[in-house]
């Protein structure tokens, strides 16, 4: 199956997952790396990028 750049960006670009409660957050990469983004549910600053399957 072909992968489209538009769908890849929509599904994976700037989307991070909280390592503690597994909620998804859309935020700029540089802000996440600087520690400026917190999880809405548990207020954790430990985030990871969404995995591509």
N, C-alpha and C. Protein backbone atom coordinates (compact mmCIF):
# COMPACT_ATOMS: atom_id res chain seq x y z
N UNK A 1 0.84 -1.18 0.00
CA UNK A 1 0.00 0.00 0.00
C UNK A 1 0.88 1.25 0.00
N UNK A 2 0.55 2.20 -0.86
CA UNK A 2 1.33 3.42 -0.97
C UNK A 2 1.08 4.34 0.22
N UNK A 3 2.14 5.04 0.64
CA UNK A 3 2.01 5.99 1.74
C UNK A 3 2.09 7.40 1.16
N UNK A 4 1.19 8.24 1.59
CA UNK A 4 1.13 9.60 1.10
C UNK A 4 1.74 10.55 2.12
N UNK A 5 2.45 11.55 1.65
CA UNK A 5 3.10 12.50 2.53
C UNK A 5 2.08 13.27 3.36
N UNK A 6 0.92 13.57 2.78
CA UNK A 6 -0.11 14.32 3.49
C UNK A 6 -0.63 13.53 4.69
N UNK A 7 -0.88 12.24 4.48
CA UNK A 7 -1.40 11.43 5.58
C UNK A 7 -0.33 11.17 6.64
N UNK A 8 0.93 11.02 6.22
CA UNK A 8 2.02 10.84 7.19
C UNK A 8 2.13 12.07 8.09
N UNK A 9 2.06 13.25 7.50
CA UNK A 9 2.14 14.48 8.30
C UNK A 9 0.95 14.61 9.24
N UNK A 10 -0.22 14.28 8.78
CA UNK A 10 -1.42 14.39 9.61
C UNK A 10 -1.38 13.42 10.78
N UNK A 11 -0.89 12.22 10.56
CA UNK A 11 -0.91 11.20 11.59
C UNK A 11 0.29 11.21 12.53
N UNK A 12 1.44 11.73 12.10
CA UNK A 12 2.64 11.59 12.91
C UNK A 12 3.39 12.89 13.20
N UNK A 13 3.21 13.94 12.42
CA UNK A 13 3.98 15.16 12.61
C UNK A 13 3.46 15.93 13.83
N UNK A 14 4.37 16.25 14.73
CA UNK A 14 4.08 17.03 15.93
C UNK A 14 3.09 16.34 16.88
N UNK A 15 3.02 15.03 16.86
CA UNK A 15 2.16 14.30 17.79
C UNK A 15 3.05 13.51 18.75
N UNK A 16 2.81 13.72 20.04
CA UNK A 16 3.60 13.07 21.08
C UNK A 16 2.66 12.33 22.03
N UNK A 17 3.21 11.30 22.68
CA UNK A 17 2.44 10.46 23.59
C UNK A 17 3.09 10.56 24.97
N UNK A 18 2.26 10.74 25.99
CA UNK A 18 2.75 10.79 27.36
C UNK A 18 3.22 9.39 27.76
N UNK A 19 4.38 9.30 28.37
CA UNK A 19 4.90 8.00 28.78
C UNK A 19 4.22 7.48 30.04
N UNK A 20 3.59 8.36 30.78
CA UNK A 20 2.95 7.95 32.02
C UNK A 20 1.50 7.50 31.81
N UNK A 21 0.69 8.32 31.13
CA UNK A 21 -0.74 8.00 31.00
C UNK A 21 -1.17 7.68 29.57
N UNK A 22 -0.24 7.72 28.61
CA UNK A 22 -0.48 7.33 27.20
C UNK A 22 -1.46 8.23 26.46
N UNK A 23 -1.63 9.47 26.88
CA UNK A 23 -2.51 10.37 26.13
C UNK A 23 -1.70 11.05 25.02
N UNK A 24 -2.39 11.41 23.93
CA UNK A 24 -1.75 12.03 22.78
C UNK A 24 -1.85 13.55 22.86
N UNK A 25 -0.77 14.22 22.47
CA UNK A 25 -0.69 15.68 22.51
C UNK A 25 -0.06 16.16 21.21
N UNK A 26 -0.67 17.15 20.58
CA UNK A 26 -0.08 17.75 19.39
C UNK A 26 0.63 19.03 19.81
N UNK A 27 1.94 19.08 19.59
CA UNK A 27 2.74 20.23 20.01
C UNK A 27 3.99 20.33 19.13
N UNK A 28 4.57 21.52 19.01
CA UNK A 28 5.80 21.67 18.24
C UNK A 28 6.96 20.89 18.87
N UNK A 29 7.79 20.31 18.03
CA UNK A 29 8.89 19.46 18.49
C UNK A 29 9.88 20.22 19.37
N UNK A 30 10.22 21.45 19.00
CA UNK A 30 11.20 22.21 19.77
C UNK A 30 10.70 22.53 21.17
N UNK A 31 9.41 22.81 21.31
CA UNK A 31 8.86 23.08 22.64
C UNK A 31 8.88 21.84 23.51
N UNK A 32 8.61 20.68 22.93
CA UNK A 32 8.63 19.43 23.68
C UNK A 32 10.06 19.13 24.14
N UNK A 33 11.03 19.31 23.25
CA UNK A 33 12.42 19.04 23.59
C UNK A 33 12.93 20.00 24.66
N UNK A 34 12.42 21.22 24.69
CA UNK A 34 12.84 22.20 25.69
C UNK A 34 12.15 21.98 27.03
N UNK A 35 11.15 21.09 27.07
CA UNK A 35 10.45 20.82 28.31
C UNK A 35 9.33 21.80 28.59
N UNK A 36 8.86 22.50 27.57
CA UNK A 36 7.83 23.49 27.77
C UNK A 36 6.41 22.96 27.65
N UNK A 37 6.25 21.69 27.32
CA UNK A 37 4.93 21.10 27.15
C UNK A 37 4.69 20.06 28.24
N UNK A 38 3.51 20.13 28.86
CA UNK A 38 3.11 19.17 29.88
C UNK A 38 1.89 18.40 29.39
N UNK A 39 1.71 17.22 29.94
CA UNK A 39 0.52 16.42 29.64
C UNK A 39 -0.70 17.08 30.28
N UNK A 40 -1.82 17.07 29.57
CA UNK A 40 -3.04 17.68 30.10
C UNK A 40 -3.63 16.88 31.24
N UNK A 41 -3.46 15.56 31.20
CA UNK A 41 -4.10 14.70 32.20
C UNK A 41 -3.27 14.56 33.47
N UNK A 42 -1.96 14.29 33.33
CA UNK A 42 -1.17 13.97 34.52
C UNK A 42 -0.07 14.99 34.81
N UNK A 43 0.08 16.01 33.99
CA UNK A 43 1.06 17.09 34.15
C UNK A 43 2.50 16.60 34.07
N UNK A 44 2.73 15.47 33.42
CA UNK A 44 4.08 14.95 33.24
C UNK A 44 4.73 15.66 32.05
N UNK A 45 6.04 15.82 32.10
CA UNK A 45 6.78 16.43 31.00
C UNK A 45 7.52 15.39 30.17
N UNK A 46 7.32 14.11 30.48
CA UNK A 46 8.01 13.03 29.79
C UNK A 46 7.15 12.56 28.63
N UNK A 47 7.52 12.97 27.41
CA UNK A 47 6.76 12.65 26.20
C UNK A 47 7.66 11.94 25.21
N UNK A 48 7.05 11.16 24.33
CA UNK A 48 7.76 10.49 23.26
C UNK A 48 7.01 10.72 21.96
N UNK A 49 7.68 10.62 20.80
CA UNK A 49 6.96 10.73 19.53
C UNK A 49 6.04 9.53 19.32
N UNK A 50 4.99 9.74 18.55
CA UNK A 50 4.07 8.63 18.23
C UNK A 50 4.79 7.65 17.33
N UNK A 51 4.63 6.37 17.60
CA UNK A 51 5.32 5.33 16.85
C UNK A 51 4.66 5.09 15.49
N UNK A 52 5.48 4.87 14.48
CA UNK A 52 4.99 4.51 13.16
C UNK A 52 5.02 3.01 13.04
N UNK A 53 3.90 2.41 12.75
CA UNK A 53 3.82 0.94 12.66
C UNK A 53 4.21 0.43 11.32
